[in-house]
Amino acid sequence: MESVCNTYIALDLETTGLNPKRDRIIEIGAVRVEDGAEQGIFHQMVNPHRKLEERITELTGITDEMVEDAPDIGDIIGPFLDFCGELPLLGHHIIFDYSFLKQAAVNAGIDFQRDGIDTLKLCRLFMPAGEKKNLEAACAWYQVKRQGAHRALGDARDADALYRQTVLCHGEENPAAFVPKPLIYKVKREQPASKKQKEDLRYLLKYHKIDLPVQIEHLSRSEASRYTDKIISQYGRIQKQKTN
């Protein structure tokens, strides 16, 4: 008979958006739980090398000043994965967090495969169909007191508390629901923008007298191409001066 998992990494990320191929991690919060007890935490702000949109600051309370001196994800991903070890990852819609970590790991040349426990899936399984299943609503339904909405470490702890409560309510009747499952997300390594791409983009910005909300030195090849195409589409190509 399968037993309920009680050793894992409860995890949450704050990011600049929803797409791991275009957006970046700005905060990592994680709790190591062993045999049902918290045994360690990992909390780190991350520099996304771009300006944060106003909606992200309004949602999370994270400002540009809070991340401008933070390390790059490439310097953090190794130590963070060391903290996680081989333990399964737990979170509310954990595949979202896993997708960003997978992209960062692959970019750093690190092999990264983990099993996961998704509290959102558990809520969809056990809560009434008409009830909202986001973390805030699920915690309210299971009478879990929240510790810090929309900040990584608080949300990680909330997901952990929500999981423990669902185990108490449903673990005996359906232990199989609480067994970690393989997390599947395929991603390719991002290549840094070439020297020519960066030079061309800088010249294009100078020519049109515009700024980008990102640091060009930290763009990937695909991002540099996307920004270049967007600028040309919106402002036009550089016009060569006519000579007599």
C-alpha atoms as a PDB file:
ATOM      1  CA  MET A   1       0.000   0.000   0.000  1.00  0.00           C
ATOM      2  CA  GLU A   2       1.316   3.459  -0.916  1.00  0.00           C
ATOM      3  CA  SER A   3       2.054   5.803   1.972  1.00  0.00           C
ATOM      4  CA  VAL A   4       1.610   9.545   2.248  1.00  0.00           C
ATOM      5  CA  CYS A   5       4.765  11.544   1.490  1.00  0.00           C
ATOM      6  CA  ASN A   6       6.004  13.593   4.457  1.00  0.00           C
ATOM      7  CA  THR A   7       9.531  14.499   3.300  1.00  0.00           C
ATOM      8  CA  TYR A   8       9.862  17.107   0.556  1.00  0.00           C
ATOM      9  CA  ILE A   9      10.845  20.662  -0.446  1.00  0.00           C
ATOM     10  CA  ALA A  10       7.938  23.110  -0.218  1.00  0.00           C
ATOM     11  CA  LEU A  11       8.650  25.704  -2.871  1.00  0.00           C
ATOM     12  CA  ASP A  12       7.419  28.971  -4.341  1.00  0.00           C
ATOM     13  CA  LEU A  13       8.882  31.431  -6.836  1.00  0.00           C
ATOM     14  CA  GLU A  14       8.042  35.024  -7.643  1.00  0.00           C
ATOM     15  CA  THR A  15       8.704  35.860 -11.291  1.00  0.00           C
ATOM     16  CA  THR A  16       8.446  38.724 -13.791  1.00  0.00           C
ATOM     17  CA  GLY A  17       5.668  36.880 -15.647  1.00  0.00           C
ATOM     18  CA  LEU A  18       4.217  33.513 -16.543  1.00  0.00           C
ATOM     19  CA  ASN A  19       6.461  32.306 -19.383  1.00  0.00           C
ATOM     20  CA  PRO A  20       9.761  30.657 -18.350  1.00  0.00           C
ATOM     21  CA  LYS A  21      11.149  31.223 -21.857  1.00  0.00           C
ATOM     22  CA  ARG A  22      10.616  34.994 -21.619  1.00  0.00           C
ATOM     23  CA  ASP A  23      10.283  35.835 -17.945  1.00  0.00           C
ATOM     24  CA  ARG A  24      12.691  35.581 -15.048  1.00  0.00           C
ATOM     25  CA  ILE A  25      12.754  34.506 -11.400  1.00  0.00           C
ATOM     26  CA  ILE A  26      12.944  37.382  -8.908  1.00  0.00           C
ATOM     27  CA  GLU A  27      12.573  35.488  -5.615  1.00  0.00           C
ATOM     28  CA  ILE A  28      13.023  31.903  -4.400  1.00  0.00           C
ATOM     29  CA  GLY A  29      11.507  30.649  -1.174  1.00  0.00           C
ATOM     30  CA  ALA A  30      11.722  27.028  -0.039  1.00  0.00           C
ATOM     31  CA  VAL A  31      11.316  24.943   3.094  1.00  0.00           C
ATOM     32  CA  ARG A  32      12.883  21.511   3.624  1.00  0.00           C
ATOM     33  CA  VAL A  33      10.390  19.270   5.414  1.00  0.00           C
ATOM     34  CA  GLU A  34      11.622  15.931   6.783  1.00  0.00           C
ATOM     35  CA  ASP A  35       9.262  13.469   8.436  1.00  0.00           C
ATOM     36  CA  GLY A  36       6.658  16.232   8.690  1.00  0.00           C
ATOM     37  CA  ALA A  37       8.924  18.787  10.413  1.00  0.00           C
ATOM     38  CA  GLU A  38      10.579  21.898   8.990  1.00  0.00           C
ATOM     39  CA  GLN A  39      14.353  21.350   8.923  1.00  0.00           C
ATOM     40  CA  GLY A  40      15.680  24.252   6.872  1.00  0.00           C
ATOM     41  CA  ILE A  41      14.828  27.211   4.669  1.00  0.00           C
ATOM     42  CA  PHE A  42      16.210  28.769   1.497  1.00  0.00           C
ATOM     43  CA  HIS A  43      15.317  32.357   0.662  1.00  0.00           C
ATOM     44  CA  GLN A  44      16.960  34.482  -2.010  1.00  0.00           C
ATOM     45  CA  MET A  45      16.126  37.521  -4.105  1.00  0.00           C
ATOM     46  CA  VAL A  46      17.235  37.227  -7.742  1.00  0.00           C
ATOM     47  CA  ASN A  47      18.262  39.926 -10.209  1.00  0.00           C
ATOM     48  CA  PRO A  48      16.180  39.543 -13.413  1.00  0.00           C
ATOM     49  CA  HIS A  49      18.309  42.156 -15.235  1.00  0.00           C
ATOM     50  CA  ARG A  50      15.215  44.054 -16.302  1.00  0.00           C
ATOM     51  CA  LYS A  51      12.772  46.588 -14.923  1.00  0.00           C
ATOM     52  CA  LEU A  52       9.847  45.097 -13.034  1.00  0.00           C
ATOM     53  CA  GLU A  53       6.415  45.872 -14.413  1.00  0.00           C
ATOM     54  CA  GLU A  54       4.159  47.884 -12.122  1.00  0.00           C
ATOM     55  CA  ARG A  55       1.678  44.996 -11.880  1.00  0.00           C
ATOM     56  CA  ILE A  56       4.405  42.696 -10.496  1.00  0.00           C
ATOM     57  CA  THR A  57       5.386  45.227  -7.838  1.00  0.00           C
ATOM     58  CA  GLU A  58       1.736  45.767  -6.924  1.00  0.00           C
ATOM     59  CA  LEU A  59       1.163  42.002  -6.637  1.00  0.00           C
ATOM     60  CA  THR A  60       4.308  41.046  -4.732  1.00  0.00           C
ATOM     61  CA  GLY A  61       5.583  44.236  -3.140  1.00  0.00           C
ATOM     62  CA  ILE A  62       8.969  43.531  -4.756  1.00  0.00           C
ATOM     63  CA  THR A  63      10.627  46.642  -6.198  1.00  0.00           C
ATOM     64  CA  ASP A  64      13.537  47.201  -8.586  1.00  0.00           C
ATOM     65  CA  GLU A  65      15.632  48.362  -5.618  1.00  0.00           C
ATOM     66  CA  MET A  66      15.087  45.022  -3.873  1.00  0.00           C
ATOM     67  CA  VAL A  67      16.574  43.002  -6.737  1.00  0.00           C
ATOM     68  CA  GLU A  68      19.129  45.337  -8.361  1.00  0.00           C
ATOM     69  CA  ASP A  69      21.992  44.141  -6.135  1.00  0.00           C
ATOM     70  CA  ALA A  70      20.789  40.530  -5.919  1.00  0.00           C
ATOM     71  CA  PRO A  71      22.793  37.763  -7.627  1.00  0.00           C
ATOM     72  CA  ASP A  72      22.019  36.304 -11.046  1.00  0.00           C
ATOM     73  CA  ILE A  73      19.983  33.082 -11.196  1.00  0.00           C
ATOM     74  CA  GLY A  74      23.018  31.376 -12.720  1.00  0.00           C
ATOM     75  CA  ASP A  75      24.894  31.949  -9.455  1.00  0.00           C
ATOM     76  CA  ILE A  76      21.998  30.682  -7.329  1.00  0.00           C
ATOM     77  CA  ILE A  77      20.579  27.668  -9.140  1.00  0.00           C
ATOM     78  CA  GLY A  78      23.435  25.339  -8.133  1.00  0.00           C
ATOM     79  CA  PRO A  79      23.296  26.113  -4.399  1.00  0.00           C
ATOM     80  CA  PHE A  80      19.506  25.957  -4.467  1.00  0.00           C
ATOM     81  CA  LEU A  81      19.451  22.530  -6.102  1.00  0.00           C
ATOM     82  CA  ASP A  82      22.024  21.393  -3.525  1.00  0.00           C
ATOM     83  CA  PHE A  83      19.585  22.542  -0.828  1.00  0.00           C
ATOM     84  CA  CYS A  84      16.806  20.512  -2.480  1.00  0.00           C
ATOM     85  CA  GLY A  85      18.891  17.367  -2.860  1.00  0.00           C
ATOM     86  CA  GLU A  86      16.847  14.582  -4.443  1.00  0.00           C
ATOM     87  CA  LEU A  87      13.687  15.349  -2.491  1.00  0.00           C
ATOM     88  CA  PRO A  88      10.380  15.818  -4.311  1.00  0.00           C
ATOM     89  CA  LEU A  89       9.133  19.376  -4.800  1.00  0.00           C
ATOM     90  CA  LEU A  90       5.826  20.513  -3.346  1.00  0.00           C
ATOM     91  CA  GLY A  91       3.890  23.611  -4.335  1.00  0.00           C
ATOM     92  CA  HIS A  92       0.589  25.065  -5.480  1.00  0.00           C
ATOM     93  CA  HIS A  93       0.675  24.466  -9.258  1.00  0.00           C
ATOM     94  CA  ILE A  94       4.214  23.150  -8.822  1.00  0.00           C
ATOM     95  CA  ILE A  95       4.804  22.649 -12.564  1.00  0.00           C
ATOM     96  CA  PHE A  96       4.928  26.451 -12.905  1.00  0.00           C
ATOM     97  CA  ASP A  97       7.802  26.763 -10.432  1.00  0.00           C
ATOM     98  CA  TYR A  98       9.479  23.665 -11.828  1.00  0.00           C
ATOM     99  CA  SER A  99       9.422  25.072 -15.374  1.00  0.00           C
ATOM    100  CA  PHE A 100      11.377  28.173 -14.316  1.00  0.00           C
ATOM    101  CA  LEU A 101      13.856  26.116 -12.285  1.00  0.00           C
ATOM    102  CA  LYS A 102      14.274  23.655 -15.159  1.00  0.00           C
ATOM    103  CA  GLN A 103      15.069  26.491 -17.579  1.00  0.00           C
ATOM    104  CA  ALA A 104      17.608  27.958 -15.163  1.00  0.00           C
ATOM    105  CA  ALA A 105      19.198  24.563 -14.517  1.00  0.00           C
ATOM    106  CA  VAL A 106      19.456  23.678 -18.205  1.00  0.00           C
ATOM    107  CA  ASN A 107      20.972  27.085 -18.946  1.00  0.00           C
ATOM    108  CA  ALA A 108      23.595  26.369 -16.285  1.00  0.00           C
ATOM    109  CA  GLY A 109      24.314  22.934 -17.755  1.00  0.00           C
ATOM    110  CA  ILE A 110      22.780  21.094 -14.783  1.00  0.00           C
ATOM    111  CA  ASP A 111      20.703  17.948 -15.224  1.00  0.00           C
ATOM    112  CA  PHE A 112      17.484  18.460 -13.294  1.00  0.00           C
ATOM    113  CA  GLN A 113      14.636  15.949 -12.942  1.00  0.00           C
ATOM    114  CA  ARG A 114      12.360  15.758  -9.921  1.00  0.00           C
ATOM    115  CA  ASP A 115       9.107  14.277  -8.696  1.00  0.00           C
ATOM    116  CA  GLY A 116       6.483  16.638  -7.371  1.00  0.00           C
ATOM    117  CA  ILE A 117       3.367  17.036  -5.264  1.00  0.00           C
ATOM    118  CA  ASP A 118       0.844  19.602  -6.479  1.00  0.00           C
ATOM    119  CA  THR A 119      -1.468  21.015  -3.824  1.00  0.00           C
ATOM    120  CA  LEU A 120      -3.581  22.571  -6.591  1.00  0.00           C
ATOM    121  CA  LYS A 121      -4.290  19.103  -8.005  1.00  0.00           C
ATOM    122  CA  LEU A 122      -5.122  17.878  -4.514  1.00  0.00           C
ATOM    123  CA  CYS A 123      -7.585  20.739  -4.074  1.00  0.00           C
ATOM    124  CA  ARG A 124      -9.187  19.977  -7.432  1.00  0.00           C
ATOM    125  CA  LEU A 125      -9.549  16.364  -6.308  1.00  0.00           C
ATOM    126  CA  PHE A 126     -10.972  16.970  -2.851  1.00  0.00           C
ATOM    127  CA  MET A 127     -12.657  20.401  -2.809  1.00  0.00           C
ATOM    128  CA  PRO A 128     -16.167  21.019  -4.185  1.00  0.00           C
ATOM    129  CA  ALA A 129     -16.207  21.811  -7.911  1.00  0.00           C
ATOM    130  CA  GLY A 130     -17.721  25.252  -7.434  1.00  0.00           C
ATOM    131  CA  GLU A 131     -15.036  26.474  -5.023  1.00  0.00           C
ATOM    132  CA  LYS A 132     -12.039  28.495  -6.191  1.00  0.00           C
ATOM    133  CA  LYS A 133      -8.784  26.551  -5.959  1.00  0.00           C
ATOM    134  CA  ASN A 134      -6.089  29.246  -5.881  1.00  0.00           C
ATOM    135  CA  LEU A 135      -3.790  29.233  -2.841  1.00  0.00           C
ATOM    136  CA  GLU A 136      -5.683  31.967  -1.013  1.00  0.00           C
ATOM    137  CA  ALA A 137      -9.085  30.332  -1.535  1.00  0.00           C
ATOM    138  CA  ALA A 138      -7.810  26.831  -0.771  1.00  0.00           C
ATOM    139  CA  CYS A 139      -6.172  27.963   2.474  1.00  0.00           C
ATOM    140  CA  ALA A 140      -9.420  29.660   3.476  1.00  0.00           C
ATOM    141  CA  TRP A 141     -11.414  26.507   2.681  1.00  0.00           C
ATOM    142  CA  TYR A 142      -9.115  24.305   4.765  1.00  0.00           C
ATOM    143  CA  GLN A 143      -8.828  26.983   7.493  1.00  0.00           C
ATOM    144  CA  VAL A 144      -5.079  27.405   7.012  1.00  0.00           C
ATOM    145  CA  LYS A 145      -3.784  30.744   8.316  1.00  0.00           C
ATOM    146  CA  ARG A 146      -1.605  32.366   5.651  1.00  0.00           C
ATOM    147  CA  GLN A 147       1.901  33.610   6.439  1.00  0.00           C
ATOM    148  CA  GLY A 148       2.669  35.968   3.558  1.00  0.00           C
ATOM    149  CA  ALA A 149       0.666  36.165   0.357  1.00  0.00           C
ATOM    150  CA  HIS A 150       2.590  36.630  -2.901  1.00  0.00           C
ATOM    151  CA  ARG A 151       6.021  36.437  -1.330  1.00  0.00           C
ATOM    152  CA  ALA A 152       7.993  33.307  -2.044  1.00  0.00           C
ATOM    153  CA  LEU A 153       8.848  32.008   1.429  1.00  0.00           C
ATOM    154  CA  GLY A 154       5.403  32.793   2.839  1.00  0.00           C
ATOM    155  CA  ASP A 155       3.663  31.074  -0.066  1.00  0.00           C
ATOM    156  CA  ALA A 156       5.978  28.062   0.245  1.00  0.00           C
ATOM    157  CA  ARG A 157       5.054  27.715   3.916  1.00  0.00           C
ATOM    158  CA  ASP A 158       1.372  28.196   3.085  1.00  0.00           C
ATOM    159  CA  ALA A 159       1.552  25.417   0.478  1.00  0.00           C
ATOM    160  CA  ASP A 160       3.223  23.182   3.078  1.00  0.00           C
ATOM    161  CA  ALA A 161       0.511  23.951   5.661  1.00  0.00           C
ATOM    162  CA  LEU A 162      -2.217  23.385   3.056  1.00  0.00           C
ATOM    163  CA  TYR A 163      -0.677  20.031   2.129  1.00  0.00           C
ATOM    164  CA  ARG A 164      -0.538  18.911   5.763  1.00  0.00           C
ATOM    165  CA  GLN A 165      -4.177  19.855   6.222  1.00  0.00           C
ATOM    166  CA  THR A 166      -5.273  17.940   3.123  1.00  0.00           C
ATOM    167  CA  VAL A 167      -3.327  14.939   4.430  1.00  0.00           C
ATOM    168  CA  LEU A 168      -5.195  15.162   7.736  1.00  0.00           C
ATOM    169  CA  CYS A 169      -8.535  15.389   5.963  1.00  0.00           C
ATOM    170  CA  HIS A 170      -8.021  12.898   3.134  1.00  0.00           C
ATOM    171  CA  GLY A 171      -4.765  10.982   3.598  1.00  0.00           C
ATOM    172  CA  GLU A 172      -6.277   7.939   5.224  1.00  0.00           C
ATOM    173  CA  GLU A 173      -9.000   7.492   2.624  1.00  0.00           C
ATOM    174  CA  ASN A 174      -6.795   8.200  -0.419  1.00  0.00           C
ATOM    175  CA  PRO A 175      -3.057   7.871   0.346  1.00  0.00           C
ATOM    176  CA  ALA A 176      -2.211   7.368  -3.335  1.00  0.00           C
ATOM    177  CA  ALA A 177      -3.137  11.008  -4.037  1.00  0.00           C
ATOM    178  CA  PHE A 178      -0.238  12.117  -1.834  1.00  0.00           C
ATOM    179  CA  VAL A 179       2.494  10.169  -3.600  1.00  0.00           C
ATOM    180  CA  PRO A 180       4.957  12.326  -5.624  1.00  0.00           C
ATOM    181  CA  LYS A 181       4.635  12.070  -9.404  1.00  0.00           C
ATOM    182  CA  PRO A 182       7.307  12.778 -12.047  1.00  0.00           C
ATOM    183  CA  LEU A 183       7.372  16.418 -13.143  1.00  0.00           C
ATOM    184  CA  ILE A 184       7.584  16.648 -16.934  1.00  0.00           C
ATOM    185  CA  TYR A 185       8.758  19.845 -18.605  1.00  0.00           C
ATOM    186  CA  LYS A 186      11.000  19.867 -21.668  1.00  0.00           C
ATOM    187  CA  VAL A 187      13.211  22.848 -22.337  1.00  0.00           C
ATOM    188  CA  LYS A 188      16.193  23.765 -24.509  1.00  0.00           C
ATOM    189  CA  ARG A 189      19.263  25.595 -23.312  1.00  0.00           C
ATOM    190  CA  GLU A 190      19.135  29.306 -24.074  1.00  0.00           C
ATOM    191  CA  GLN A 191      22.161  30.661 -25.946  1.00  0.00           C
ATOM    192  CA  PRO A 192      23.486  34.096 -24.932  1.00  0.00           C
ATOM    193  CA  ALA A 193      22.982  36.857 -27.482  1.00  0.00           C
ATOM    194  CA  SER A 194      25.913  37.149 -29.874  1.00  0.00           C
ATOM    195  CA  LYS A 195      28.221  40.165 -29.911  1.00  0.00           C
ATOM    196  CA  LYS A 196      26.744  41.247 -33.250  1.00  0.00           C
ATOM    197  CA  GLN A 197      23.183  40.920 -31.987  1.00  0.00           C
ATOM    198  CA  LYS A 198      23.963  43.153 -29.012  1.00  0.00           C
ATOM    199  CA  GLU A 199      25.798  45.703 -31.147  1.00  0.00           C
ATOM    200  CA  ASP A 200      22.979  45.833 -33.696  1.00  0.00           C
ATOM    201  CA  LEU A 201      20.359  46.193 -30.963  1.00  0.00           C
ATOM    202  CA  ARG A 202      22.261  48.998 -29.239  1.00  0.00           C
ATOM    203  CA  TYR A 203      22.675  50.836 -32.549  1.00  0.00           C
ATOM    204  CA  LEU A 204      18.971  50.410 -33.294  1.00  0.00           C
ATOM    205  CA  LEU A 205      18.051  51.831 -29.884  1.00  0.00           C
ATOM    206  CA  LYS A 206      20.413  54.769 -30.339  1.00  0.00           C
ATOM    207  CA  TYR A 207      19.110  55.466 -33.840  1.00  0.00           C
ATOM    208  CA  HIS A 208      15.474  55.547 -32.717  1.00  0.00           C
ATOM    209  CA  LYS A 209      16.364  57.238 -29.397  1.00  0.00           C
ATOM    210  CA  ILE A 210      14.525  54.688 -27.265  1.00  0.00           C
ATOM    211  CA  ASP A 211      15.342  52.625 -24.181  1.00  0.00           C
ATOM    212  CA  LEU A 212      14.697  49.007 -23.310  1.00  0.00           C
ATOM    213  CA  PRO A 213      13.586  47.897 -19.825  1.00  0.00           C
ATOM    214  CA  VAL A 214      16.187  45.081 -19.950  1.00  0.00           C
ATOM    215  CA  GLN A 215      19.963  44.823 -19.674  1.00  0.00           C
ATOM    216  CA  ILE A 216      21.214  43.888 -23.134  1.00  0.00           C
ATOM    217  CA  GLU A 217      24.268  42.038 -21.783  1.00  0.00           C
ATOM    218  CA  HIS A 218      21.972  39.482 -20.177  1.00  0.00           C
ATOM    219  CA  LEU A 219      19.704  38.775 -23.154  1.00  0.00           C
ATOM    220  CA  SER A 220      19.516  35.371 -24.786  1.00  0.00           C
ATOM    221  CA  ARG A 221      19.869  34.993 -28.531  1.00  0.00           C
ATOM    222  CA  SER A 222      16.123  34.521 -29.001  1.00  0.00           C
ATOM    223  CA  GLU A 223      15.312  37.513 -26.752  1.00  0.00           C
ATOM    224  CA  ALA A 224      17.679  39.785 -28.672  1.00  0.00           C
ATOM    225  CA  SER A 225      16.054  38.709 -31.943  1.00  0.00           C
ATOM    226  CA  ARG A 226      12.583  39.262 -30.516  1.00  0.00           C
ATOM    227  CA  TYR A 227      13.402  42.764 -29.253  1.00  0.00           C
ATOM    228  CA  THR A 228      15.077  43.678 -32.548  1.00  0.00           C
ATOM    229  CA  ASP A 229      12.077  42.505 -34.565  1.00  0.00           C
ATOM    230  CA  LYS A 230       9.681  44.334 -32.253  1.00  0.00           C
ATOM    231  CA  ILE A 231      11.577  47.619 -32.545  1.00  0.00           C
ATOM    232  CA  ILE A 232      11.812  47.363 -36.341  1.00  0.00           C
ATOM    233  CA  SER A 233       8.096  46.560 -36.538  1.00  0.00           C
ATOM    234  CA  GLN A 234       7.184  49.538 -34.356  1.00  0.00           C
ATOM    235  CA  TYR A 235       9.766  52.143 -35.379  1.00  0.00           C
ATOM    236  CA  GLY A 236      11.136  50.956 -38.718  1.00  0.00           C
ATOM    237  CA  ARG A 237      14.569  49.998 -39.939  1.00  0.00           C
ATOM    238  CA  ILE A 238      17.617  52.214 -39.917  1.00  0.00           C
ATOM    239  CA  GLN A 239      17.587  54.370 -43.036  1.00  0.00           C
ATOM    240  CA  LYS A 240      20.875  54.688 -44.826  1.00  0.00           C
ATOM    241  CA  GLN A 241      21.825  58.253 -45.629  1.00  0.00           C
ATOM    242  CA  LYS A 242      21.898  59.092 -49.315  1.00  0.00           C
ATOM    243  CA  THR A 243      25.206  60.224 -50.777  1.00  0.00           C
ATOM    244  CA  ASN A 244      25.588  62.570 -53.742  1.00  0.00           C
END
